[in-house]
Amino acid sequence: MMRRWNIARLFTIIIASIIGVGLLYLLEGQRMDESTPSPIEIAFSDIPAWEEDDHSAAFVAFHRSCEKIVAIENARDGKSDGKMAPHPLLSVCKAAVELGTNVDRSSARVFFETRFTPHRLQGKQASGFVTGYYEPELKGSRTRSDKYFVPVYAVPGDLVQLYSDSERAKRNHEMTAGRETADGMVPYFDRKEIEQGALEDRNLEILYLNDWADAFYMHIQGSGRVALEEGGHARLGFGAKNGHSYTAIGKPLIERGAISRDEMSMDAVRAWLEANGDQARELMWENRSYIFFRELDRSEAAIGPVGAQGVALTPRRSLAVDTSMHKLGTPIWVRSHSLDLHGQAGFSQLMIAQDAGSAIKGHGRGDIFWGSGSAAGDIAGSTRHDAEFILLLPNR
């Protein structure tokens, strides 16, 4: 379960020099000194460029989160034993749902300003770091063949989750899932064992891809849109993790001298994988972590990829966070002076915490969802910037 909404305990900062979510995983950034800076309440007028943002776009993304929060609370209404507190955003979300999504820019700004109070971190460790991720587009088939031979598996029935997905980041170096045997709980099959056939003949295959590296990168991003050989598309979302810690594959390439630190990038790693055949498979096997997927139904797939909160992600408005520290659905102002992707200096806009990731650790870390396809992937791979995060906390 997620921690209670205790601001004094929320803040753990990670400062890393790593490249995008893909390269973040490939290099596996190291933790720096951690601290718990005191948050201070500020005014919206103290947020640089606040009035320049398109708050209606942020409100649409927030509305999606609110629909989920209200639906969950309604489903458990009358069934709770009183031990679980309501979601801290519940009352605000009820108001948002009542408004609908047809809210103009000015009205959306008023909504956020009247129902939230911004909080900024203080202290030497108060600076944050932002990376990016995207939904890759791949080619595949429902039928295994010489061309399409890499299986994408659904969640196995014998996978036992030991911790909730909200704790993925802080427990990345622990066994978070396993399987029951006559001798008790044991680690689940790792990447090498699965790719060598540990799950064959169990009818878990959703579809097949044509490249091991494509599958590996889809695991890193946690979702994918697959153009099917038979026609049409399938959209895949995160289902579960096999419980093994993530091991970066970019770091050993630097250590071996295969790629210099200055030349390290997602493209450089991918080029090495494509050029090195069996060595590439063995390198990817060093990352024992493996992701299982679920296929989104037609209505979900039509909207977009789904994040950890169970809502469709919005390009440039959805943020992946450490969910052991942030409640999903929380509005977070992200400002980076060095992130320049809009033809103007810096990046400043309101985002919504709607996703999670094992490498997103600490309060001052975020991963911007840039969208789908190669263009979004290029942006995601180049997003590696210092940033400021300002929490919008609901008024009492």
Protein backbone atom coordinates (compact mmCIF):
# COMPACT_ATOMS: atom_id res chain seq x y z
CA MET A 1 0.00 0.00 0.00
CA MET A 2 1.07 3.57 -0.55
CA ARG A 3 2.22 5.71 2.33
CA ARG A 4 -0.22 8.03 4.02
CA TRP A 5 -0.20 11.61 2.77
CA ASN A 6 2.51 12.82 5.14
CA ILE A 7 4.40 15.65 3.44
CA ALA A 8 7.28 15.59 5.95
CA ARG A 9 8.13 12.07 4.82
CA LEU A 10 7.48 12.36 1.11
CA PHE A 11 10.73 13.79 -0.15
CA THR A 12 13.68 11.70 -1.26
CA ILE A 13 15.74 13.26 -4.03
CA ILE A 14 17.76 11.54 -6.67
CA ILE A 15 20.19 13.46 -8.85
CA ALA A 16 21.47 11.33 -11.71
CA SER A 17 23.32 11.80 -14.98
CA ILE A 18 21.41 9.43 -17.20
CA ILE A 19 19.71 9.68 -20.56
CA GLY A 20 15.92 9.35 -20.88
CA VAL A 21 13.83 6.54 -19.47
CA GLY A 22 15.33 4.08 -21.92
CA LEU A 23 18.91 5.00 -21.16
CA LEU A 24 17.99 5.51 -17.52
CA TYR A 25 17.20 1.80 -17.46
CA LEU A 26 20.21 0.96 -19.64
CA LEU A 27 22.67 2.77 -17.35
CA GLU A 28 20.79 2.38 -14.06
CA GLY A 29 21.53 5.64 -12.26
CA GLN A 30 23.06 5.51 -8.83
CA ARG A 31 21.42 7.00 -5.77
CA MET A 32 22.98 10.17 -4.44
CA ASP A 33 22.68 11.52 -0.93
CA GLU A 34 19.10 11.49 0.25
CA SER A 35 17.45 14.06 2.46
CA THR A 36 14.03 15.20 3.53
CA PRO A 37 13.80 18.92 2.70
CA SER A 38 10.97 20.81 4.29
CA PRO A 39 8.22 21.79 1.85
CA ILE A 40 6.89 25.29 2.08
CA GLU A 41 3.56 26.62 0.97
CA ILE A 42 3.80 29.15 -1.83
CA ALA A 43 1.36 31.19 -3.88
CA PHE A 44 0.46 30.41 -7.47
CA SER A 45 1.91 33.80 -8.36
CA ASP A 46 5.28 32.46 -7.15
CA ILE A 47 5.29 29.76 -9.84
CA PRO A 48 7.19 31.07 -12.89
CA ALA A 49 5.14 30.88 -16.11
CA TRP A 50 2.09 29.48 -14.27
CA GLU A 51 -0.29 31.84 -16.03
CA GLU A 52 1.14 30.94 -19.45
CA ASP A 53 0.24 27.25 -19.33
CA ASP A 54 -2.79 25.71 -21.02
CA HIS A 55 -4.56 24.58 -17.85
CA SER A 56 -7.46 23.12 -19.83
CA ALA A 57 -5.11 20.47 -21.28
CA ALA A 58 -3.92 19.60 -17.80
CA PHE A 59 -7.52 19.49 -16.58
CA VAL A 60 -8.51 16.91 -19.23
CA ALA A 61 -5.71 14.63 -18.02
CA PHE A 62 -6.66 15.30 -14.39
CA HIS A 63 -10.29 14.50 -15.17
CA ARG A 64 -9.26 11.02 -16.36
CA SER A 65 -7.52 10.40 -13.04
CA CYS A 66 -10.50 11.71 -11.14
CA GLU A 67 -12.95 9.44 -12.91
CA LYS A 68 -10.82 6.51 -11.78
CA ILE A 69 -10.48 7.75 -8.20
CA VAL A 70 -14.21 8.41 -7.84
CA ALA A 71 -15.13 5.07 -9.41
CA ILE A 72 -12.86 3.19 -7.00
CA GLU A 73 -14.23 5.04 -3.99
CA ASN A 74 -17.82 4.42 -5.12
CA ALA A 75 -17.10 0.73 -5.60
CA ARG A 76 -15.85 0.34 -2.04
CA ASP A 77 -18.45 2.66 -0.50
CA GLY A 78 -20.20 0.76 2.24
CA LYS A 79 -17.73 -2.12 2.04
CA SER A 80 -14.85 -0.47 3.86
CA ASP A 81 -14.06 -1.51 7.41
CA GLY A 82 -13.10 2.06 8.22
CA LYS A 83 -9.37 1.35 8.31
CA MET A 84 -8.66 2.73 4.84
CA ALA A 85 -8.83 6.50 4.53
CA PRO A 86 -10.50 8.01 1.44
CA HIS A 87 -8.21 9.11 -1.35
CA PRO A 88 -6.90 12.61 -0.47
CA LEU A 89 -8.07 13.90 -3.86
CA LEU A 90 -11.58 12.48 -3.58
CA SER A 91 -13.50 15.69 -2.86
CA VAL A 92 -11.58 17.64 -5.51
CA CYS A 93 -12.12 14.84 -8.00
CA LYS A 94 -15.85 14.76 -7.39
CA ALA A 95 -15.95 18.45 -8.32
CA ALA A 96 -13.84 17.81 -11.42
CA VAL A 97 -16.08 14.96 -12.59
CA GLU A 98 -19.15 17.15 -12.16
CA LEU A 99 -17.57 19.81 -14.37
CA GLY A 100 -16.90 17.39 -17.23
CA THR A 101 -14.12 17.89 -19.76
CA ASN A 102 -15.51 20.87 -21.65
CA VAL A 103 -13.66 23.38 -19.48
CA ASP A 104 -11.90 26.34 -21.04
CA ARG A 105 -8.39 27.48 -20.21
CA SER A 106 -9.41 30.22 -17.80
CA SER A 107 -11.94 28.10 -15.91
CA ALA A 108 -9.45 25.26 -15.57
CA ARG A 109 -6.90 27.62 -14.07
CA VAL A 110 -9.45 28.88 -11.57
CA PHE A 111 -10.31 25.28 -10.66
CA PHE A 112 -6.71 24.44 -9.78
CA GLU A 113 -6.11 27.74 -7.98
CA THR A 114 -9.19 27.48 -5.77
CA ARG A 115 -8.86 23.83 -4.80
CA PHE A 116 -5.11 23.34 -4.43
CA THR A 117 -2.17 24.96 -2.70
CA PRO A 118 1.28 24.68 -4.30
CA HIS A 119 4.22 23.42 -2.20
CA ARG A 120 7.88 23.79 -3.09
CA LEU A 121 10.85 21.91 -1.68
CA GLN A 122 13.66 23.74 0.04
CA GLY A 123 17.28 22.89 0.76
CA LYS A 124 20.37 21.83 -1.15
CA GLN A 125 18.79 18.60 -2.33
CA ALA A 126 15.62 20.24 -3.59
CA SER A 127 16.52 20.10 -7.29
CA GLY A 128 14.98 17.25 -9.25
CA PHE A 129 15.65 15.40 -12.47
CA VAL A 130 13.33 14.60 -15.37
CA THR A 131 13.59 11.98 -18.10
CA GLY A 132 11.16 10.84 -20.78
CA TYR A 133 9.44 7.73 -22.08
CA TYR A 134 7.14 6.77 -24.93
CA GLU A 135 5.04 4.01 -26.46
CA PRO A 136 7.05 2.13 -29.13
CA GLU A 137 5.40 1.01 -32.34
CA LEU A 138 6.36 -2.49 -33.49
CA LYS A 139 5.43 -5.21 -35.97
CA GLY A 140 4.01 -8.58 -34.96
CA SER A 141 1.61 -11.42 -35.61
CA ARG A 142 -0.94 -13.50 -33.75
CA THR A 143 0.68 -16.60 -35.23
CA ARG A 144 4.19 -17.85 -34.62
CA SER A 145 6.33 -18.18 -37.76
CA ASP A 146 9.91 -17.96 -38.95
CA LYS A 147 9.42 -14.19 -39.21
CA TYR A 148 7.54 -13.65 -35.95
CA PHE A 149 8.99 -15.85 -33.24
CA VAL A 150 9.45 -13.70 -30.09
CA PRO A 151 6.52 -14.32 -27.72
CA VAL A 152 4.85 -11.60 -25.69
CA TYR A 153 3.36 -13.25 -22.62
CA ALA A 154 0.29 -12.51 -20.53
CA VAL A 155 0.53 -12.70 -16.73
CA PRO A 156 1.04 -16.35 -15.65
CA GLY A 157 -1.44 -17.76 -13.18
CA ASP A 158 1.29 -18.98 -10.84
CA LEU A 159 2.94 -15.57 -10.45
CA VAL A 160 2.54 -14.46 -6.83
CA GLN A 161 2.90 -10.72 -6.19
CA LEU A 162 4.67 -10.14 -2.88
CA TYR A 163 4.29 -6.35 -2.96
CA SER A 164 1.99 -3.94 -4.74
CA ASP A 165 3.09 -2.22 -7.94
CA SER A 166 3.11 1.07 -6.03
CA GLU A 167 6.28 -0.15 -4.30
CA ARG A 168 8.14 -1.16 -7.46
CA ALA A 169 10.62 1.73 -7.28
CA LYS A 170 11.71 1.40 -3.67
CA ARG A 171 11.87 -2.42 -3.86
CA ASN A 172 13.64 -2.76 -7.20
CA HIS A 173 16.52 -4.62 -5.54
CA GLU A 174 14.26 -7.09 -3.73
CA MET A 175 12.31 -10.09 -4.93
CA THR A 176 8.86 -8.60 -5.47
CA ALA A 177 7.15 -11.68 -6.92
CA GLY A 178 7.65 -15.43 -6.92
CA ARG A 179 5.93 -18.78 -7.29
CA GLU A 180 4.81 -21.39 -4.81
CA THR A 181 6.50 -24.78 -4.87
CA ALA A 182 6.53 -27.82 -2.59
CA ASP A 183 9.55 -26.22 -0.93
CA GLY A 184 7.84 -22.88 -0.45
CA MET A 185 8.09 -19.55 -2.26
CA VAL A 186 10.90 -19.34 -4.82
CA PRO A 187 11.93 -16.64 -7.32
CA TYR A 188 9.94 -16.64 -10.53
CA PHE A 189 11.60 -17.60 -13.82
CA ASP A 190 14.01 -14.92 -15.01
CA ARG A 191 14.43 -13.43 -18.49
CA LYS A 192 16.85 -16.11 -19.71
CA GLU A 193 14.70 -18.97 -18.44
CA ILE A 194 11.55 -17.49 -19.97
CA GLU A 195 13.19 -16.79 -23.33
CA GLN A 196 14.55 -20.34 -23.36
CA GLY A 197 11.07 -21.81 -22.98
CA ALA A 198 10.08 -21.91 -19.31
CA LEU A 199 6.55 -20.73 -20.17
CA GLU A 200 5.97 -22.60 -23.40
CA ASP A 201 2.83 -24.74 -23.86
CA ARG A 202 0.86 -22.74 -21.29
CA ASN A 203 -1.21 -20.72 -23.78
CA LEU A 204 0.12 -17.41 -22.44
CA GLU A 205 1.26 -15.96 -25.78
CA ILE A 206 -0.61 -12.77 -26.70
CA LEU A 207 1.28 -12.33 -29.98
CA TYR A 208 4.76 -12.62 -31.48
CA LEU A 209 7.34 -9.97 -32.44
CA ASN A 210 10.16 -10.31 -34.96
CA ASP A 211 13.10 -9.14 -32.87
CA TRP A 212 14.41 -9.87 -29.36
CA ALA A 213 15.70 -6.32 -28.98
CA ASP A 214 12.28 -4.90 -29.93
CA ALA A 215 10.73 -6.97 -27.17
CA PHE A 216 13.43 -5.88 -24.72
CA TYR A 217 12.82 -2.20 -25.40
CA MET A 218 9.07 -2.66 -25.13
CA HIS A 219 9.69 -4.12 -21.67
CA ILE A 220 11.66 -1.00 -20.77
CA GLN A 221 8.86 1.32 -21.86
CA GLY A 222 6.10 -0.85 -20.35
CA SER A 223 3.74 -0.62 -23.31
CA GLY A 224 3.61 -1.01 -27.08
CA ARG A 225 1.42 -0.62 -30.13
CA VAL A 226 1.85 -3.56 -32.52
CA ALA A 227 0.94 -3.49 -36.22
CA LEU A 228 -0.29 -7.01 -36.92
CA GLU A 229 0.65 -9.04 -40.00
CA GLU A 230 -2.99 -10.10 -40.21
CA GLY A 231 -4.13 -6.48 -40.27
CA GLY A 232 -5.07 -4.02 -37.57
CA HIS A 233 -3.23 -3.19 -34.37
CA ALA A 234 -2.91 -4.51 -30.83
CA ARG A 235 -2.13 -2.21 -27.93
CA LEU A 236 -0.29 -3.80 -25.01
CA GLY A 237 -0.06 -2.46 -21.47
CA PHE A 238 1.90 -3.44 -18.37
CA GLY A 239 0.49 -6.55 -16.70
CA ALA A 240 3.05 -7.56 -14.08
CA LYS A 241 6.76 -7.99 -13.40
CA ASN A 242 8.46 -11.31 -12.69
CA GLY A 243 9.86 -9.95 -9.43
CA HIS A 244 13.56 -9.80 -10.30
CA SER A 245 15.58 -6.60 -9.93
CA TYR A 246 16.27 -4.58 -13.03
CA THR A 247 19.92 -4.73 -14.19
CA ALA A 248 21.10 -2.10 -16.63
CA ILE A 249 22.80 -3.25 -19.83
CA GLY A 250 24.42 0.05 -20.85
CA LYS A 251 26.78 0.10 -17.89
CA PRO A 252 28.62 -3.15 -18.76
CA LEU A 253 29.05 -1.94 -22.34
CA ILE A 254 30.90 1.09 -21.01
CA GLU A 255 32.96 -1.08 -18.67
CA ARG A 256 33.94 -3.37 -21.57
CA GLY A 257 34.91 -0.42 -23.73
CA ALA A 258 32.27 -1.33 -26.32
CA ILE A 259 30.70 2.15 -26.07
CA SER A 260 32.35 5.20 -24.52
CA ARG A 261 30.51 7.09 -21.82
CA ASP A 262 30.41 10.20 -24.03
CA GLU A 263 28.85 8.24 -26.91
CA MET A 264 26.36 6.32 -24.77
CA SER A 265 22.76 6.62 -25.96
CA MET A 266 19.76 4.40 -26.59
CA ASP A 267 20.62 4.41 -30.30
CA ALA A 268 24.22 3.39 -29.56
CA VAL A 269 23.10 0.47 -27.39
CA ARG A 270 20.54 -0.61 -29.96
CA ALA A 271 23.16 -0.53 -32.73
CA TRP A 272 25.47 -2.68 -30.61
CA LEU A 273 22.69 -5.20 -29.96
CA GLU A 274 21.89 -5.45 -33.67
CA ALA A 275 25.54 -5.97 -34.57
CA ASN A 276 26.40 -8.59 -31.99
CA GLY A 277 23.91 -11.44 -32.32
CA ASP A 278 24.38 -14.06 -29.60
CA GLN A 279 26.39 -11.67 -27.43
CA ALA A 280 23.40 -9.33 -27.50
CA ARG A 281 21.09 -12.08 -26.20
CA GLU A 282 23.50 -12.88 -23.40
CA LEU A 283 23.78 -9.21 -22.47
CA MET A 284 20.01 -8.79 -22.34
CA TRP A 285 19.80 -11.92 -20.17
CA GLU A 286 21.91 -10.12 -17.56
CA ASN A 287 18.74 -8.13 -16.92
CA ARG A 288 16.75 -10.85 -15.16
CA SER A 289 13.67 -8.63 -14.88
CA TYR A 290 10.85 -9.54 -17.28
CA ILE A 291 7.55 -7.79 -18.00
CA PHE A 292 4.23 -9.53 -18.68
CA PHE A 293 1.61 -7.64 -20.66
CA ARG A 294 -2.12 -7.42 -21.13
CA GLU A 295 -3.90 -6.54 -24.34
CA LEU A 296 -6.10 -3.50 -24.03
CA ASP A 297 -9.68 -3.95 -25.15
CA ARG A 298 -10.94 -1.98 -28.12
CA SER A 299 -12.33 0.94 -26.12
CA GLU A 300 -9.13 1.33 -24.06
CA ALA A 301 -6.86 0.89 -27.07
CA ALA A 302 -8.68 3.61 -29.01
CA ILE A 303 -7.76 6.23 -26.39
CA GLY A 304 -4.09 5.46 -25.87
CA PRO A 305 -1.59 3.54 -23.72
CA VAL A 306 -2.60 3.01 -20.11
CA GLY A 307 -0.44 3.93 -17.12
CA ALA A 308 -0.17 2.53 -13.62
CA GLN A 309 -3.29 4.36 -12.49
CA GLY A 310 -5.32 2.49 -15.08
CA VAL A 311 -6.13 5.56 -17.19
CA ALA A 312 -5.03 6.50 -20.71
CA LEU A 313 -1.85 8.57 -20.77
CA THR A 314 -1.81 12.05 -22.26
CA PRO A 315 1.31 13.09 -24.20
CA ARG A 316 3.21 15.89 -22.43
CA ARG A 317 0.74 15.87 -19.53
CA SER A 318 1.18 12.43 -17.93
CA LEU A 319 4.06 11.99 -15.51
CA ALA A 320 5.54 8.76 -14.14
CA VAL A 321 6.54 9.10 -10.49
CA ASP A 322 7.68 7.10 -7.49
CA THR A 323 4.28 5.94 -6.28
CA SER A 324 5.58 5.13 -2.82
CA MET A 325 5.92 8.91 -2.42
CA HIS A 326 3.24 10.42 -4.66
CA LYS A 327 -0.43 9.59 -4.86
CA LEU A 328 -1.43 8.85 -8.43
CA GLY A 329 -3.62 11.63 -9.72
CA THR A 330 -1.63 14.39 -8.03
CA PRO A 331 -1.07 17.53 -10.15
CA ILE A 332 2.65 18.40 -10.27
CA TRP A 333 4.16 21.50 -11.82
CA VAL A 334 7.31 20.60 -13.74
CA ARG A 335 9.78 23.30 -14.69
CA SER A 336 13.12 22.78 -16.44
CA HIS A 337 15.23 25.66 -17.71
CA SER A 338 17.31 23.41 -19.96
CA LEU A 339 14.52 21.32 -21.51
CA ASP A 340 13.72 23.17 -24.74
CA LEU A 341 11.36 21.27 -27.03
CA HIS A 342 8.72 23.86 -27.80
CA GLY A 343 10.71 26.51 -29.62
CA GLN A 344 11.02 28.53 -26.45
CA ALA A 345 13.43 28.54 -23.56
CA GLY A 346 12.65 25.90 -20.97
CA PHE A 347 9.71 23.66 -20.15
CA SER A 348 7.05 24.76 -17.66
CA GLN A 349 3.66 23.12 -17.35
CA LEU A 350 1.24 21.30 -15.12
CA MET A 351 1.36 17.52 -15.32
CA ILE A 352 -0.58 14.72 -13.64
CA ALA A 353 1.03 11.77 -11.84
CA GLN A 354 -0.50 8.82 -13.70
CA ASP A 355 2.24 6.23 -14.10
CA ALA A 356 5.10 4.51 -12.30
CA GLY A 357 8.46 2.94 -13.07
CA SER A 358 11.07 0.87 -11.26
CA ALA A 359 13.79 3.39 -12.10
CA ILE A 360 11.78 6.43 -10.98
CA LYS A 361 13.00 6.68 -7.40
CA GLY A 362 12.55 9.57 -5.05
CA HIS A 363 10.32 12.57 -4.70
CA GLY A 364 12.29 14.75 -7.09
CA ARG A 365 12.14 12.38 -10.08
CA GLY A 366 9.71 12.31 -12.92
CA ASP A 367 9.32 10.72 -16.34
CA ILE A 368 7.44 12.68 -18.99
CA PHE A 369 5.27 10.66 -21.37
CA TRP A 370 5.93 12.08 -24.84
CA GLY A 371 3.51 10.00 -26.90
CA SER A 372 3.75 7.12 -29.38
CA GLY A 373 6.09 6.26 -32.22
CA SER A 374 9.63 7.05 -33.26
CA ALA A 375 9.33 10.85 -33.08
CA ALA A 376 8.20 10.62 -29.46
CA GLY A 377 11.00 8.12 -28.87
CA ASP A 378 13.58 10.60 -30.15
CA ILE A 379 12.32 13.23 -27.71
CA ALA A 380 12.17 10.75 -24.85
CA GLY A 381 15.74 9.63 -25.48
CA SER A 382 17.02 13.20 -25.29
CA THR A 383 15.11 14.17 -22.15
CA ARG A 384 17.62 14.21 -19.29
CA HIS A 385 17.37 17.51 -17.47
CA ASP A 386 17.45 19.08 -14.06
CA ALA A 387 13.96 20.15 -13.10
CA GLU A 388 11.88 21.65 -10.32
CA PHE A 389 8.78 19.87 -9.05
CA ILE A 390 6.01 21.76 -7.24
CA LEU A 391 3.25 19.66 -5.69
CA LEU A 392 -0.33 20.86 -5.85
CA LEU A 393 -1.86 19.56 -2.62
CA PRO A 394 -5.63 19.72 -2.08
CA ASN A 395 -6.91 22.34 0.33
CA ARG A 396 -8.39 20.95 3.51
